[in-house]
Structures are given as structure tokens and as C-alpha cells.
Amino acid sequence: MENIDQETLNAFAGKAETWLERLLLWGREEFLSLDMAAALGAVAVAAAVFWAMRKWALPLLYTAAGKIKAGYWVHMRLQRLAELTPALAALLLLGTMNAGLLQAGFSPDVSRIAAQLLTAWIIIKFAVLILKDSAWTPVLAGFVWTVTALAIVGWLDPLMMVMDQVGFSMGEFRLSLLGVVQAALLFAVLMWVAALISRVLENRLGRLAGVTPSARVLVGKIIHILFLAFAVMVALTSVGIDFTAIAVFSGAVGVGIGFGLQKVVSNLISGIILLLDRSIKPGDVIEIGDAYGWIEKLGARHVAIITRDGKEFLIPNEDLITQQVINWSYTDKIVRFKIGVGISYRSDVRKAMDLMLEAADGIDRILKDPPPAVRLVGFGDSSVDLELRIWLKDPESGTVNAMSDARLRIWDLFHENGIEFPFPQRDLHIVSAEGLETIMQRARPSAGEDAGKR
């Protein structure tokens, strides 16, 4: 048994010695070769340039970006993009040195891998700077690192060839999996560019005094739709689809899409109509159904309304066209409210009316012009009905709170000046005393009947 173990150990030691010799030979051939020395030298030079630019050139770029006459948003983007300048310079230098080494007959595999990793890092860093905390940032980072890893191990080209072979043909047209992936990536990039350009133009228009909020939103929507159509056309063209070949089927496809997306198209067209006729705009205070609040955003499909309770209603654009909408600030934001008050018939009506005007004058949110007014609107069963009419210029700040302040002020002034609030009451007129006595006798049993029941 001991001999067998010794033989096994000797065999294992021999194999380990062989492996170690091969490893040392590979190390001498790879790491002590001129190719490795040249590649490591290129990486070291690129790293030194990156460090030097980050230490001395980056502060100068920050200062230059801050001196550009532009808005805060542009300054922030320029300063963030300036962070990529050292990496871009190092990548450019590394690519130039790799090309020179290849021309000189070297095989700079290490510097090539370093350039690929640096490219992936720049793409991910750029996405993080632009997309901020978007949910798509981790997805993009995973995709870029996967492609980089495939390129490093040499599997990217074979994988692309396999994806290109997976597909089908229709006459002269051929659609492959690789073409679909490329079209999807191109479409995503174009959509991101469209959103960025439309946002920049909206910010530009927002600083122009003569452009209304509705016009700003309308221009943003039109630009977004145009870029969407452009992105779709470019993506379809990239996979080899000829638009003239499918012109025959465009009518049928349009009808099918029209039926399938009827509500979506209706809301989109309704939104454009609302922007063109300027019936509502961001900041307006509107009331539709049970929703009352101010418009926070006009979207392509819906309008966002925020209430005083913090609730946010998403009203489809079509409902704003087909249903009755009360716009409290269509012409201006001045609106009138009525507060009904009942006083006792024993109170001085004229004095009560003066006190109600005094109560309105003591509240800051109630306008002095138009002035508050008090009207006697009726004689009720229990009270003389008065009505205080007030005007507010900021309904978005709440209407119930202002009316509550007015009622509390009226309550205090009425109690201080002896004006009574009536209780519900009825006056009964008895025509005949004999009839009353008969009713009371019927309602009250006699003493004999009570004794018999006991």
C-alpha cells in the first residue's frame, strides 16, 4: 500500500514538474518578449497621460466650461463630459501606439485588451453621466461589458456570424437576428437623441418671454413625433427593408393600426387640439368630474392634475375634449365664491351685513378689487338668508380654506355684536281650544283604564 502511494506521489510530482516547466516557458515567451514589453510600455504611457490630464488639465476644463454663456443645464453637462477628456485622450494615444506597433511588426495583445476595456469604461461612464439614475444604466453597462468580454476572448466575431446566419428570406429581402439587434440598438440611440434634443429645445423656448407654456409643449411634442418617425425609418432601413416594396400593404397596415390604437391616437390628437386652441395650459386650475386641481403637465396621452390633497389625477386628453371642463383660470385666475349665512329674525339685518363685509376685509386672500358684497337672498322658515360674495385670485392655493377663514371671522363678529344664529323652529297656531282638549284626551288614557291594565 505504501509502495502504491509512493508511486502515485512520484507520478504526480513528475506531472507537476512538467506543468511548471511549461508555465515558466510560456511566461518567458510571453512576458519577457519584445511584444509584451512594447505593449506594457504603451499602456504605461497612456496611463501616465491619463493621470497628468486628470491632475492638471481637468481643472482648466472645468473653468472653461463655467465661462461659457449658457444655462445651468448646459454647464452641468459640459462639466460632466469634461470628466471623460483624460480617458478619451488616453484611448486616442493608446490606439495610435497600437497601430504603430502593428506597423512595426509587434503583436500588442495586452495594449489591445487595455484599449477595449478603456473603451467599455468610457461608454458606461458616458451613459451614467447622461442617463443619471435611469433604470437602463445597469442594462447598458451589462451589455457593454458582455460585448467587451466576447471581443477579448475572440468570440465576438464568431457570435456575430452565427447571428447573421439565423434568419429568413422573403424574395430578395432577408432578415437576420443580427440585423434585428443592430436595428434595435440604432432605434434606442436615436430615441435617446430625440428626447435629448426635444428637452433642450423646450428649455430654450421656456426662456423666451413670448412663448406660452402650451406652445412650448406643442413644439416639444412635434419634435418628438418627427424624431420618432425618423428613428423608425432609419431602423427599418438598416435591416434592408425597402419602403417602396411595402407601399402596397401600407393602407391595410394603417387601418389595422388605426383600429388597434384607436384610443391612443384619439388621446394624441386631442392633446394636440388642446395645445392649439390653448383652452388649458400648465398651471391652470381646472375641475373635471371629481378632480379639482392645477395642471402640472401636459403629456402626449394624458394631463396630470395635482389636487390640494397631494393626489395626482391622470386625465386622458380625450376626456378633456368630450366632457365638461371648468377652467377657473382660463381668462384670469380671479374667481368668485358665495358664502351663505342665516341670522335670526330678531337680529339687525343691516348691521349683520356690515359685519360680514368687515369680516371679508380682514382676510388677506380676499381681493379688495372687485370688492366683497353682501346680498339678502331670501326669508327662510327659521332665518333671514344673507350671502357674502368674495373674489380670490389664487384658487390653486385652495378655496375651502379661504371660505373657512371668512366663516370663522363672521362667527366671531356676530357673537361680539349680538347677532344671533337661528335654530330650526316652527310656529304652531291652534285654531280651537276645544279641539286641542279632545286630542289630549284621546292621547292620554283615563285613570280607570290605567288601573285595569295594571
Foldseek 3Di string as FASTA:
>chain_A
DVVVVVVVVVVVVVVVVVVVVVVVVVCCPQCVDPLNVLLVVLLVVLVVQLVVCVVPVLVVQLVVLVPDPDDPVSSLLSNLVSNCVSLVVSLVSLVVSCVVCVVVPHDNLVSVLVSLVSVLVSVLSNCCSVVPPDPCSVVSSVVSVVCSVCVSVVNNVVVLVVQQVAWDDDVPAIFTNNLLVVLVVQLVVLLVVLLVVLVVQLVVLVPDPVADQLNSVLVSVVSNVVSNVVSVVVSCVSRPDDPVVCVVVPVVVVVVVCVVCVLLVLLQVLLNVCSVVVQDGAQWFKDFDPDTAGWHDRDSFFTWGAAPVRDIDTHGSNCVVPGDMGTCQRPANKDKDKDKAWFAPVDDPVVLQVQLQVLLVVDPQWDPVVHKGKDQDDDDQGTGMMMIMTMGRCCNVPDVVSSVSSVVSSVVSCVVVVTHGTDDDDDDDDPDPVVVVVVVPVVDDDPVVVVVVD
